């Protein structure tokens, strides 16, 4: 039996044909198209969680420093330069400092990851050392693209902070 000429095995060259390469690229394109939304969601969720834990550490630092130094400690929503915001709009950074006689001693200034915003029920949170009390507030960490679920930090009057689930409505405020 003679095989047709196009069905004979090639003897000179080992490799793939252009048609096989096109099929492989098409399959790769479909798989990448399915994976990209999932990767965006995971990246956004990771950034929100990292920002939430870093902000939680900043609140603890403000509270502890206030008690140790016997001075009011403040965490404020700020711009990237560290200037505290006066309104309730979204912030791109936060700052922790101690107050004494009108002087501010900065303890930390942290920008938020790209695409992350911080919304709060009040732009300035104060911790008082003598009464171990604080301003009550809810801080909501939001993904500006709306891909990741928001996280909330709830600050009690005793100065204790806890993590909770944020609402998308707070991110639009």
Protein backbone atom coordinates (compact mmCIF):
# COMPACT_ATOMS: atom_id res chain seq x y z
CA UNK A 1 0.00 0.00 0.00
CA UNK A 2 1.29 3.34 -0.95
CA UNK A 3 0.56 6.22 1.34
CA UNK A 4 -0.49 9.46 -0.14
CA UNK A 5 2.40 11.89 -0.46
CA UNK A 6 1.04 14.34 2.11
CA UNK A 7 0.65 11.57 4.69
CA UNK A 8 4.27 10.49 4.59
CA UNK A 9 6.39 11.30 7.57
CA UNK A 10 8.87 14.08 7.12
CA UNK A 11 12.41 12.93 7.33
CA UNK A 12 14.31 16.17 7.02
CA UNK A 13 12.72 18.48 9.55
CA UNK A 14 11.20 18.02 13.01
CA UNK A 15 8.78 20.68 14.16
CA UNK A 16 5.25 21.90 14.01
CA UNK A 17 3.19 23.21 11.18
CA UNK A 18 1.70 26.68 10.96
CA UNK A 19 -1.78 25.22 11.43
CA UNK A 20 -0.76 23.48 14.66
CA UNK A 21 0.79 26.71 15.94
CA UNK A 22 -2.42 28.63 15.18
CA UNK A 23 -4.52 26.09 17.10
CA UNK A 24 -2.17 26.21 20.09
CA UNK A 25 -2.28 30.03 20.14
CA UNK A 26 -6.09 30.00 19.90
CA UNK A 27 -6.35 27.65 22.87
CA UNK A 28 -3.87 29.75 24.84
CA UNK A 29 -5.88 32.89 24.04
CA UNK A 30 -9.13 31.34 25.27
CA UNK A 31 -7.52 30.16 28.51
CA UNK A 32 -5.95 33.57 29.13
CA UNK A 33 -9.31 35.24 28.50
CA UNK A 34 -10.91 33.04 31.13
CA UNK A 35 -8.13 33.57 33.69
CA UNK A 36 -7.68 37.36 33.54
CA UNK A 37 -10.90 38.36 35.41
CA UNK A 38 -10.09 35.89 38.16
CA UNK A 39 -6.55 37.26 38.50
CA UNK A 40 -7.84 40.86 38.64
CA UNK A 41 -10.24 39.90 41.41
CA UNK A 42 -7.53 38.10 43.39
CA UNK A 43 -5.13 41.03 42.99
CA UNK A 44 -7.76 43.57 44.12
CA UNK A 45 -8.82 41.42 47.05
CA UNK A 46 -5.20 41.02 48.16
CA UNK A 47 -4.63 44.77 48.00
CA UNK A 48 -7.78 45.47 50.07
CA UNK A 49 -6.77 42.91 52.71
CA UNK A 50 -3.19 44.24 52.89
CA UNK A 51 -4.43 47.81 53.28
CA UNK A 52 -6.91 46.75 55.97
CA UNK A 53 -4.26 44.99 58.05
CA UNK A 54 -1.79 47.85 57.65
CA UNK A 55 -4.46 50.35 58.74
CA UNK A 56 -5.36 48.14 61.69
CA UNK A 57 -1.68 48.18 62.72
CA UNK A 58 -1.69 51.99 62.39
CA UNK A 59 -4.69 52.26 64.70
CA UNK A 60 -2.99 50.03 67.26
CA UNK A 61 0.17 52.12 66.99
CA UNK A 62 -1.78 55.34 67.61
CA UNK A 63 -3.56 53.83 70.61
CA UNK A 64 -0.44 52.30 72.17
CA UNK A 65 1.69 55.41 71.63
CA UNK A 66 -1.02 57.57 73.13
CA UNK A 67 -1.06 55.47 76.29
CA UNK A 68 2.73 55.17 76.60
CA UNK A 69 3.46 58.85 75.89
CA UNK A 70 0.42 60.13 77.85
CA UNK A 71 -0.50 62.33 74.87
CA UNK A 72 -3.46 62.26 72.51
CA UNK A 73 -2.79 60.06 69.50
CA UNK A 74 -4.43 60.80 66.17
CA UNK A 75 -4.98 58.84 62.98
CA UNK A 76 -6.20 61.03 60.14
CA UNK A 77 -7.08 60.44 56.52
CA UNK A 78 -4.55 62.30 54.43
CA UNK A 79 -3.25 62.99 50.99
CA UNK A 80 0.04 61.52 49.76
CA UNK A 81 1.99 64.44 51.31
CA UNK A 82 0.61 63.71 54.79
CA UNK A 83 -1.74 66.68 55.03
CA UNK A 84 -4.86 65.63 56.91
CA UNK A 85 -8.12 65.87 54.98
CA UNK A 86 -10.92 67.92 56.44
CA UNK A 87 -13.86 66.42 54.56
CA UNK A 88 -15.20 62.93 54.35
CA UNK A 89 -14.07 62.22 50.79
CA UNK A 90 -11.94 59.24 49.83
CA UNK A 91 -8.33 59.26 51.02
CA UNK A 92 -5.27 57.78 49.33
CA UNK A 93 -3.13 57.70 52.51
CA UNK A 94 -3.32 57.90 56.30
CA UNK A 95 -1.12 59.44 58.98
CA UNK A 96 -0.57 58.69 62.69
CA UNK A 97 0.81 61.35 65.03
CA UNK A 98 0.92 62.44 68.67
CA UNK A 99 -0.24 65.89 69.82
CA UNK A 100 1.25 68.00 72.58
CA UNK A 101 0.82 71.76 73.01
CA UNK A 102 -0.18 72.22 69.39
CA UNK A 103 2.87 70.28 68.14
CA UNK A 104 2.50 67.14 66.07
CA UNK A 105 5.00 64.28 66.19
CA UNK A 106 4.43 62.05 63.18
CA UNK A 107 4.72 58.33 63.89
CA UNK A 108 3.66 56.92 60.52
CA UNK A 109 2.55 58.06 57.08
CA UNK A 110 1.33 55.29 54.80
CA UNK A 111 0.03 55.59 51.26
CA UNK A 112 -2.58 53.06 50.19
CA UNK A 113 -1.87 50.64 47.33
CA UNK A 114 -2.78 51.81 43.84
CA UNK A 115 -6.51 51.55 43.19
CA UNK A 116 -7.44 51.43 46.89
CA UNK A 117 -9.44 54.17 48.63
CA UNK A 118 -10.20 54.78 52.29
CA UNK A 119 -13.62 56.10 53.34
CA UNK A 120 -14.40 56.93 56.96
CA UNK A 121 -17.33 58.12 59.03
CA UNK A 122 -14.98 60.87 60.28
CA UNK A 123 -11.65 62.03 58.83
CA UNK A 124 -9.81 62.25 62.18
CA UNK A 125 -9.72 59.64 64.95
CA UNK A 126 -8.38 60.59 68.36
CA UNK A 127 -7.16 58.30 71.14
CA UNK A 128 -7.10 59.77 74.66
CA UNK A 129 -4.49 58.27 77.00
CA UNK A 130 -6.02 58.88 80.41
CA UNK A 131 -9.47 57.48 79.80
CA UNK A 132 -8.37 54.78 77.35
CA UNK A 133 -11.05 56.03 74.98
CA UNK A 134 -11.24 56.92 71.32
CA UNK A 135 -13.45 58.43 68.67
CA UNK A 136 -15.90 55.87 67.39
CA UNK A 137 -15.70 55.37 63.66
CA UNK A 138 -16.00 52.98 60.77
CA UNK A 139 -13.19 52.93 58.21
CA UNK A 140 -14.01 51.26 54.89
CA UNK A 141 -11.24 50.12 52.54
CA UNK A 142 -12.50 50.03 48.96
CA UNK A 143 -11.25 48.90 45.59
CA UNK A 144 -11.83 51.90 43.30
CA UNK A 145 -12.60 49.58 40.37
CA UNK A 146 -15.23 47.73 42.39
CA UNK A 147 -13.70 44.31 41.69
CA UNK A 148 -12.85 43.31 45.26
CA UNK A 149 -15.22 43.22 48.22
CA UNK A 150 -14.72 46.14 50.64
CA UNK A 151 -13.44 45.59 54.19
CA UNK A 152 -14.35 47.65 57.24
CA UNK A 153 -12.56 48.45 60.47
CA UNK A 154 -14.88 49.35 63.33
CA UNK A 155 -13.37 51.39 66.15
CA UNK A 156 -15.17 51.22 69.51
CA UNK A 157 -15.32 53.95 72.14
CA UNK A 158 -12.79 51.99 74.21
CA UNK A 159 -10.30 52.28 71.33
CA UNK A 160 -10.49 48.66 70.22
CA UNK A 161 -10.54 47.97 66.50
CA UNK A 162 -12.05 44.96 64.77
CA UNK A 163 -12.35 43.86 61.17
CA UNK A 164 -15.71 43.49 59.48
CA UNK A 165 -17.29 43.34 56.06
CA UNK A 166 -17.69 46.65 54.30
CA UNK A 167 -20.63 47.62 52.14
CA UNK A 168 -20.34 48.84 48.55
CA UNK A 169 -22.61 51.79 49.46
CA UNK A 170 -19.93 53.17 51.80
CA UNK A 171 -17.46 53.10 48.91
CA UNK A 172 -19.66 55.39 46.83
CA UNK A 173 -20.12 57.95 49.63
